[in-house]
N, C-alpha and C. Protein backbone atom coordinates (compact mmCIF):
# COMPACT_ATOMS: atom_id res chain seq x y z
N MET A 1 12.46 6.56 4.86
CA MET A 1 11.28 6.56 4.20
C MET A 1 10.81 5.58 3.49
N THR A 2 9.76 4.93 3.67
CA THR A 2 9.63 3.86 2.62
C THR A 2 8.11 4.12 2.01
N LEU A 3 7.93 3.42 0.67
CA LEU A 3 6.88 3.65 -0.12
C LEU A 3 5.86 2.47 0.08
N ILE A 4 4.43 2.94 0.61
CA ILE A 4 3.92 1.79 1.02
C ILE A 4 2.53 2.16 -0.20
N LEU A 5 2.44 1.06 -0.81
CA LEU A 5 1.57 1.04 -2.15
C LEU A 5 0.28 0.61 -1.83
N ASP A 6 -0.57 1.17 -2.14
CA ASP A 6 -2.06 0.59 -2.09
C ASP A 6 -2.46 0.44 -3.43
N ALA A 7 -3.65 -0.02 -3.58
CA ALA A 7 -4.43 -0.63 -5.07
C ALA A 7 -4.08 0.20 -5.90
N ALA A 8 -4.49 1.67 -5.73
CA ALA A 8 -4.30 2.62 -6.92
C ALA A 8 -2.84 2.51 -7.24
N ALA A 9 -1.94 2.69 -6.71
CA ALA A 9 -0.62 2.56 -6.96
C ALA A 9 -0.41 1.56 -7.99
N LEU A 10 -0.54 0.21 -7.52
CA LEU A 10 -0.47 -0.90 -8.29
C LEU A 10 -1.15 -0.66 -9.59
N VAL A 11 -2.32 -0.26 -9.45
CA VAL A 11 -3.12 0.14 -10.84
C VAL A 11 -2.14 0.89 -11.80
N ALA A 12 -1.90 2.03 -11.12
CA ALA A 12 -1.07 3.15 -11.75
C ALA A 12 0.12 2.59 -12.37
N LEU A 13 0.84 1.84 -11.76
CA LEU A 13 2.13 1.11 -12.48
C LEU A 13 1.64 0.35 -13.80
N GLU A 14 0.41 -0.28 -13.61
CA GLU A 14 -0.13 -1.34 -14.55
C GLU A 14 -0.55 -0.54 -15.71
N ARG A 15 -0.82 0.46 -15.50
CA ARG A 15 -1.61 1.59 -16.59
C ARG A 15 -0.20 2.29 -16.89
N ASN A 16 0.92 2.15 -16.80
CA ASN A 16 2.13 2.72 -16.92
C ASN A 16 2.08 4.28 -16.75
N ASP A 17 1.70 4.49 -15.81
CA ASP A 17 1.56 5.90 -15.16
C ASP A 17 3.16 6.40 -14.88
N ARG A 18 3.62 7.38 -15.77
CA ARG A 18 4.80 8.07 -15.68
C ARG A 18 5.18 8.44 -14.22
N ARG A 19 4.30 9.10 -13.43
CA ARG A 19 4.71 9.69 -12.17
C ARG A 19 4.73 8.36 -10.77
N MET A 20 4.05 7.56 -11.22
CA MET A 20 4.06 6.26 -10.52
C MET A 20 5.69 5.61 -10.52
N TRP A 21 5.62 5.37 -12.01
CA TRP A 21 7.11 4.74 -12.18
C TRP A 21 8.19 5.67 -11.77
N ALA A 22 8.09 7.06 -11.83
CA ALA A 22 9.21 7.68 -11.34
C ALA A 22 9.45 7.44 -9.92
N ARG A 23 8.12 7.53 -8.93
CA ARG A 23 8.37 7.23 -7.84
C ARG A 23 9.07 5.97 -7.33
N LEU A 24 8.52 5.09 -8.14
CA LEU A 24 9.20 3.37 -7.53
C LEU A 24 10.57 3.46 -8.08
N LYS A 25 10.95 4.10 -8.96
CA LYS A 25 12.40 4.06 -9.54
C LYS A 25 13.08 4.99 -8.29
N ALA A 26 12.77 5.86 -8.16
CA ALA A 26 13.41 6.78 -7.06
C ALA A 26 13.71 6.02 -5.86
N ALA A 27 12.54 5.17 -5.25
CA ALA A 27 12.49 4.33 -4.03
C ALA A 27 13.62 3.40 -4.36
N LEU A 28 13.82 2.85 -5.41
CA LEU A 28 14.50 1.57 -5.49
C LEU A 28 15.91 2.05 -5.60
N ARG A 29 16.23 3.33 -6.31
CA ARG A 29 17.60 3.97 -6.54
C ARG A 29 18.27 4.13 -5.03
N ASP A 30 17.35 4.79 -4.11
CA ASP A 30 17.90 4.69 -2.79
C ASP A 30 17.62 3.52 -1.93
N ASP A 31 17.44 2.52 -2.52
CA ASP A 31 17.40 1.22 -1.84
C ASP A 31 16.30 1.17 -0.93
N ASP A 32 15.27 1.80 -1.30
CA ASP A 32 14.10 1.69 -0.47
C ASP A 32 12.98 0.88 -1.18
N VAL A 33 13.12 -0.45 -0.59
CA VAL A 33 12.27 -1.48 -1.16
C VAL A 33 10.52 -1.24 -0.79
N PRO A 34 9.86 -0.75 -2.01
CA PRO A 34 8.16 -0.52 -1.46
C PRO A 34 7.74 -1.78 -0.74
N LEU A 35 6.56 -1.45 -0.10
CA LEU A 35 5.81 -2.33 0.48
C LEU A 35 4.32 -2.33 -0.01
N THR A 36 3.68 -3.52 0.25
CA THR A 36 2.38 -3.64 0.14
C THR A 36 1.97 -4.95 0.87
N HIS A 37 0.69 -5.18 0.89
CA HIS A 37 0.53 -6.80 1.42
C HIS A 37 -0.54 -7.44 0.65
N ALA A 38 -0.65 -8.77 0.68
CA ALA A 38 -1.50 -9.58 -0.02
C ALA A 38 -3.05 -9.50 -0.39
N GLY A 39 -3.23 -8.47 0.57
CA GLY A 39 -4.80 -8.45 0.16
C GLY A 39 -4.80 -7.10 -0.69
N VAL A 40 -4.00 -6.38 -0.64
CA VAL A 40 -3.97 -5.18 -1.78
C VAL A 40 -3.66 -5.78 -3.31
N LEU A 41 -2.90 -6.72 -3.23
CA LEU A 41 -2.45 -7.41 -4.27
C LEU A 41 -3.75 -8.10 -5.03
N GLY A 42 -4.35 -8.85 -3.99
CA GLY A 42 -5.59 -9.33 -4.36
C GLY A 42 -6.75 -8.50 -4.94
N GLN A 43 -6.59 -7.50 -4.45
CA GLN A 43 -7.61 -6.41 -4.87
C GLN A 43 -7.41 -6.17 -6.49
N VAL A 44 -6.16 -6.39 -6.77
CA VAL A 44 -5.80 -5.64 -8.15
C VAL A 44 -5.79 -6.77 -9.54
N TRP A 45 -4.97 -7.83 -8.78
CA TRP A 45 -4.54 -9.21 -9.58
C TRP A 45 -5.64 -9.84 -9.98
N ARG A 46 -5.96 -9.85 -11.75
CA ARG A 46 -6.64 -10.73 -12.19
C ARG A 46 -6.32 -11.50 -13.23
N GLY A 47 -4.77 -11.62 -13.64
CA GLY A 47 -4.25 -12.47 -14.22
C GLY A 47 -4.03 -12.39 -15.64
N GLY A 48 -3.27 -12.73 -16.40
CA GLY A 48 -3.32 -12.68 -17.55
C GLY A 48 -2.37 -11.78 -18.65
N THR A 49 -2.22 -11.73 -19.78
CA THR A 49 -1.24 -10.91 -20.44
C THR A 49 -1.43 -9.58 -20.34
N ARG A 50 -2.62 -9.23 -19.93
CA ARG A 50 -2.82 -7.48 -19.69
C ARG A 50 -2.16 -6.89 -18.24
N GLN A 51 -1.52 -8.11 -17.47
CA GLN A 51 -0.99 -7.60 -16.37
C GLN A 51 0.53 -7.75 -16.06
N ALA A 52 0.94 -7.61 -17.61
CA ALA A 52 2.35 -7.76 -17.84
C ALA A 52 3.27 -7.24 -17.05
N ARG A 53 2.74 -5.71 -17.08
CA ARG A 53 3.66 -4.51 -16.33
C ARG A 53 3.51 -5.01 -14.81
N LEU A 54 2.24 -5.29 -14.50
CA LEU A 54 2.19 -5.58 -12.97
C LEU A 54 3.27 -6.63 -12.53
N ALA A 55 3.14 -7.71 -13.28
CA ALA A 55 3.56 -9.08 -13.07
C ALA A 55 5.31 -8.83 -13.26
N GLN A 56 5.71 -7.81 -14.12
CA GLN A 56 7.15 -7.41 -14.13
C GLN A 56 7.72 -6.71 -12.85
N VAL A 57 6.93 -5.82 -12.40
CA VAL A 57 7.25 -5.02 -11.06
C VAL A 57 7.32 -5.77 -9.79
N LEU A 58 6.22 -6.58 -9.98
CA LEU A 58 6.25 -7.25 -8.32
C LEU A 58 7.42 -7.92 -7.73
N PRO A 59 8.38 -8.27 -8.24
CA PRO A 59 9.52 -8.78 -7.77
C PRO A 59 10.25 -7.74 -7.12
N ALA A 60 10.14 -6.41 -7.58
CA ALA A 60 10.84 -5.33 -6.87
C ALA A 60 9.94 -4.90 -5.44
N ILE A 61 8.88 -5.45 -5.48
CA ILE A 61 7.78 -4.95 -4.30
C ILE A 61 7.99 -5.91 -3.08
N GLU A 62 7.93 -5.73 -2.02
CA GLU A 62 7.98 -6.56 -0.87
C GLU A 62 6.17 -6.72 -0.57
N VAL A 63 5.83 -7.88 -0.64
CA VAL A 63 4.67 -8.25 -0.51
C VAL A 63 4.47 -9.02 0.84
N HIS A 64 3.97 -8.53 1.89
CA HIS A 64 3.88 -9.01 3.05
C HIS A 64 2.55 -9.77 3.35
N ALA A 65 2.48 -10.92 4.05
CA ALA A 65 1.36 -11.70 4.20
C ALA A 65 0.22 -10.83 5.18
N LEU A 66 -1.14 -10.95 4.78
CA LEU A 66 -2.08 -10.76 5.62
C LEU A 66 -2.17 -11.90 6.70
N ASP A 67 -1.34 -11.96 7.34
CA ASP A 67 -1.35 -13.39 8.46
C ASP A 67 -2.13 -12.89 9.72
N GLN A 68 -2.20 -13.84 10.44
CA GLN A 68 -3.06 -13.67 11.74
C GLN A 68 -2.96 -12.48 12.75
N ALA A 69 -1.55 -12.17 12.88
CA ALA A 69 -1.16 -10.88 13.60
C ALA A 69 -1.24 -9.69 12.96
N LEU A 70 -1.05 -9.63 11.75
CA LEU A 70 -1.48 -8.26 10.78
C LEU A 70 -2.96 -8.19 11.06
N GLY A 71 -3.86 -9.04 10.85
CA GLY A 71 -5.44 -9.35 10.80
C GLY A 71 -5.98 -8.96 12.21
N ARG A 72 -5.03 -9.27 13.27
CA ARG A 72 -5.53 -8.91 14.61
C ARG A 72 -5.40 -7.40 14.83
N SER A 73 -4.19 -7.15 14.56
CA SER A 73 -3.97 -5.79 14.74
C SER A 73 -4.86 -4.73 14.06
N ALA A 74 -5.10 -5.06 12.59
CA ALA A 74 -5.99 -4.30 11.76
C ALA A 74 -7.32 -4.27 12.33
N GLY A 75 -7.80 -5.30 12.75
CA GLY A 75 -9.37 -5.31 13.41
C GLY A 75 -9.28 -4.54 14.81
N GLU A 76 -8.33 -4.51 15.58
CA GLU A 76 -8.15 -3.53 16.66
C GLU A 76 -8.23 -2.15 16.21
N LEU A 77 -7.38 -1.87 15.05
CA LEU A 77 -7.50 -0.24 14.75
C LEU A 77 -8.91 -0.08 14.34
N LEU A 78 -9.59 -1.04 13.43
CA LEU A 78 -10.71 -0.68 12.76
C LEU A 78 -11.47 -0.21 14.07
N GLY A 79 -11.62 -1.24 14.94
CA GLY A 79 -12.58 -1.18 16.18
C GLY A 79 -12.20 0.31 16.81
N SER A 80 -11.16 0.87 17.05
CA SER A 80 -10.82 2.19 17.36
C SER A 80 -11.42 3.15 16.58
N THR A 81 -11.54 2.90 15.38
CA THR A 81 -12.23 4.05 14.44
C THR A 81 -13.65 4.08 13.97
N GLY A 82 -14.00 2.75 13.98
CA GLY A 82 -15.50 2.43 13.76
C GLY A 82 -15.44 2.25 12.13
N LEU A 83 -14.30 1.83 11.63
CA LEU A 83 -14.37 1.64 10.30
C LEU A 83 -14.44 0.33 9.78
N ALA A 84 -14.41 -0.26 8.68
CA ALA A 84 -14.57 -1.61 8.36
C ALA A 84 -13.45 -2.54 7.36
N ASP A 85 -12.65 -1.50 6.71
CA ASP A 85 -11.98 -1.96 5.78
C ASP A 85 -10.51 -2.68 6.11
N VAL A 86 -10.45 -3.80 6.33
CA VAL A 86 -9.38 -4.55 6.69
C VAL A 86 -8.13 -4.32 6.14
N ILE A 87 -8.46 -4.16 4.80
CA ILE A 87 -7.22 -4.14 3.54
C ILE A 87 -6.52 -2.49 4.03
N ASP A 88 -7.35 -1.57 4.17
CA ASP A 88 -6.83 -0.36 4.49
C ASP A 88 -6.22 -0.13 5.66
N ALA A 89 -6.79 -0.78 6.84
CA ALA A 89 -6.12 -0.64 7.94
C ALA A 89 -4.76 -1.61 8.09
N ALA A 90 -4.76 -2.72 7.44
CA ALA A 90 -3.55 -3.45 7.39
C ALA A 90 -2.53 -2.84 6.62
N LEU A 91 -2.80 -1.97 5.77
CA LEU A 91 -1.87 -1.38 4.84
C LEU A 91 -1.15 0.00 5.78
N VAL A 92 -1.86 0.55 6.61
CA VAL A 92 -1.37 1.54 7.36
C VAL A 92 -0.52 1.18 8.47
N LEU A 93 -1.02 -0.34 8.97
CA LEU A 93 -0.05 -0.85 9.98
C LEU A 93 1.27 -1.45 9.43
N LEU A 94 1.38 -1.41 8.21
CA LEU A 94 2.80 -1.67 7.51
C LEU A 94 3.84 -0.52 7.60
N SER A 95 3.28 0.37 7.69
CA SER A 95 3.75 2.07 7.84
C SER A 95 4.51 2.14 8.85
N SER A 96 5.33 3.34 8.95
CA SER A 96 6.24 3.65 9.96
C SER A 96 6.18 5.34 9.70
N ASP A 97 6.26 6.18 10.91
CA ASP A 97 6.47 7.37 11.30
C ASP A 97 7.44 7.73 9.97
N GLY A 98 7.09 8.81 8.96
CA GLY A 98 7.69 9.17 8.02
C GLY A 98 7.65 8.53 6.59
N ASP A 99 6.63 7.49 6.51
CA ASP A 99 6.68 6.90 5.16
C ASP A 99 5.74 7.76 4.41
N ASP A 100 5.58 7.23 3.28
CA ASP A 100 4.66 7.59 2.39
C ASP A 100 3.84 6.38 1.71
N ILE A 101 2.39 6.67 1.98
CA ILE A 101 1.23 5.63 1.27
C ILE A 101 0.79 6.18 0.00
N ILE A 102 0.82 5.59 -0.98
CA ILE A 102 0.31 5.98 -2.31
C ILE A 102 -0.91 5.47 -2.38
N THR A 103 -1.93 6.14 -2.49
CA THR A 103 -3.52 5.71 -2.40
C THR A 103 -4.29 6.77 -3.01
N SER A 104 -5.43 6.28 -3.19
CA SER A 104 -6.52 7.18 -3.86
C SER A 104 -7.58 7.19 -2.66
N ASP A 105 -7.66 6.48 -1.73
CA ASP A 105 -8.61 6.37 -0.40
C ASP A 105 -7.83 7.38 0.54
N LEU A 106 -7.68 8.63 0.35
CA LEU A 106 -7.19 9.56 1.40
C LEU A 106 -8.01 9.61 2.33
N ALA A 107 -9.48 10.04 2.15
CA ALA A 107 -10.60 9.92 3.30
C ALA A 107 -10.45 8.71 4.06
N ASP A 108 -10.32 7.32 3.38
CA ASP A 108 -10.44 6.38 4.40
C ASP A 108 -9.16 6.20 5.60
N LEU A 109 -8.15 6.46 4.60
CA LEU A 109 -6.71 5.98 5.32
C LEU A 109 -6.19 6.82 6.33
N GLU A 110 -6.81 8.29 6.16
CA GLU A 110 -6.52 9.39 6.98
C GLU A 110 -6.76 9.00 8.59
N PRO A 111 -8.20 8.67 8.96
CA PRO A 111 -8.27 8.48 10.26
C PRO A 111 -7.59 7.13 10.68
N LEU A 112 -7.38 6.25 10.04
CA LEU A 112 -6.64 5.18 10.40
C LEU A 112 -5.39 5.50 10.84
N ALA A 113 -4.42 6.47 10.09
CA ALA A 113 -3.42 7.02 10.14
C ALA A 113 -3.39 7.65 11.49
N VAL A 114 -4.23 8.26 11.82
CA VAL A 114 -4.36 9.09 13.04
C VAL A 114 -4.55 8.18 14.48
N ALA A 115 -5.59 7.33 14.10
CA ALA A 115 -5.72 6.33 15.35
C ALA A 115 -4.37 5.59 15.61
N SER A 116 -3.42 5.43 14.59
CA SER A 116 -2.68 4.49 14.81
C SER A 116 -1.35 5.03 15.66
N GLY A 117 -1.61 6.41 15.23
CA GLY A 117 -0.45 7.40 15.78
C GLY A 117 0.78 7.42 14.89
N ARG A 118 0.44 7.00 13.65
CA ARG A 118 1.86 7.06 12.94
C ARG A 118 1.46 8.54 12.15
N HIS A 119 2.73 9.09 11.83
CA HIS A 119 2.99 10.46 10.98
C HIS A 119 3.45 9.78 9.54
N ILE A 120 2.56 9.87 8.64
CA ILE A 120 2.73 9.53 7.37
C ILE A 120 1.94 10.36 6.53
N GLU A 121 2.63 10.26 5.30
CA GLU A 121 2.26 11.21 4.20
C GLU A 121 1.07 10.51 3.36
N LEU A 122 0.05 10.72 2.87
CA LEU A 122 -0.81 10.30 2.25
C LEU A 122 -0.88 10.95 0.84
N ILE A 123 -0.50 10.22 -0.39
CA ILE A 123 -0.26 10.72 -1.57
C ILE A 123 -1.11 10.00 -2.57
N ARG A 124 -1.75 11.07 -3.63
CA ARG A 124 -2.37 10.20 -4.63
C ARG A 124 -1.52 9.81 -5.99
N PRO A 125 -1.64 8.79 -6.40
CA PRO A 125 -1.01 8.04 -7.59
C PRO A 125 -0.51 9.25 -8.54
């Protein structure tokens, strides 16, 4: 099982949310490197000293590129659902069966997960 992090998960880490930090530490303890992609990072990154916690934790998170292949696949997934958020679609496509996605966008990610055929758990931060 891999922990996939949406923007809300990164914001929770930045705000020092104890539950989110516990999830992250448990994943790392189990040698499970959490994943996200650069589009999600772009949603939350504003720079400066106020994001010191987020900057500190980023080396422990595998940040995938939102490259041409992932972009095309995300577009195809969106086309099959009638939805429009490339960031959400690409996040779902990073997952595999049994993974957990930490997100506040349950209503948006659920139809994408179903359409992708992935059996994943969507969890609020």
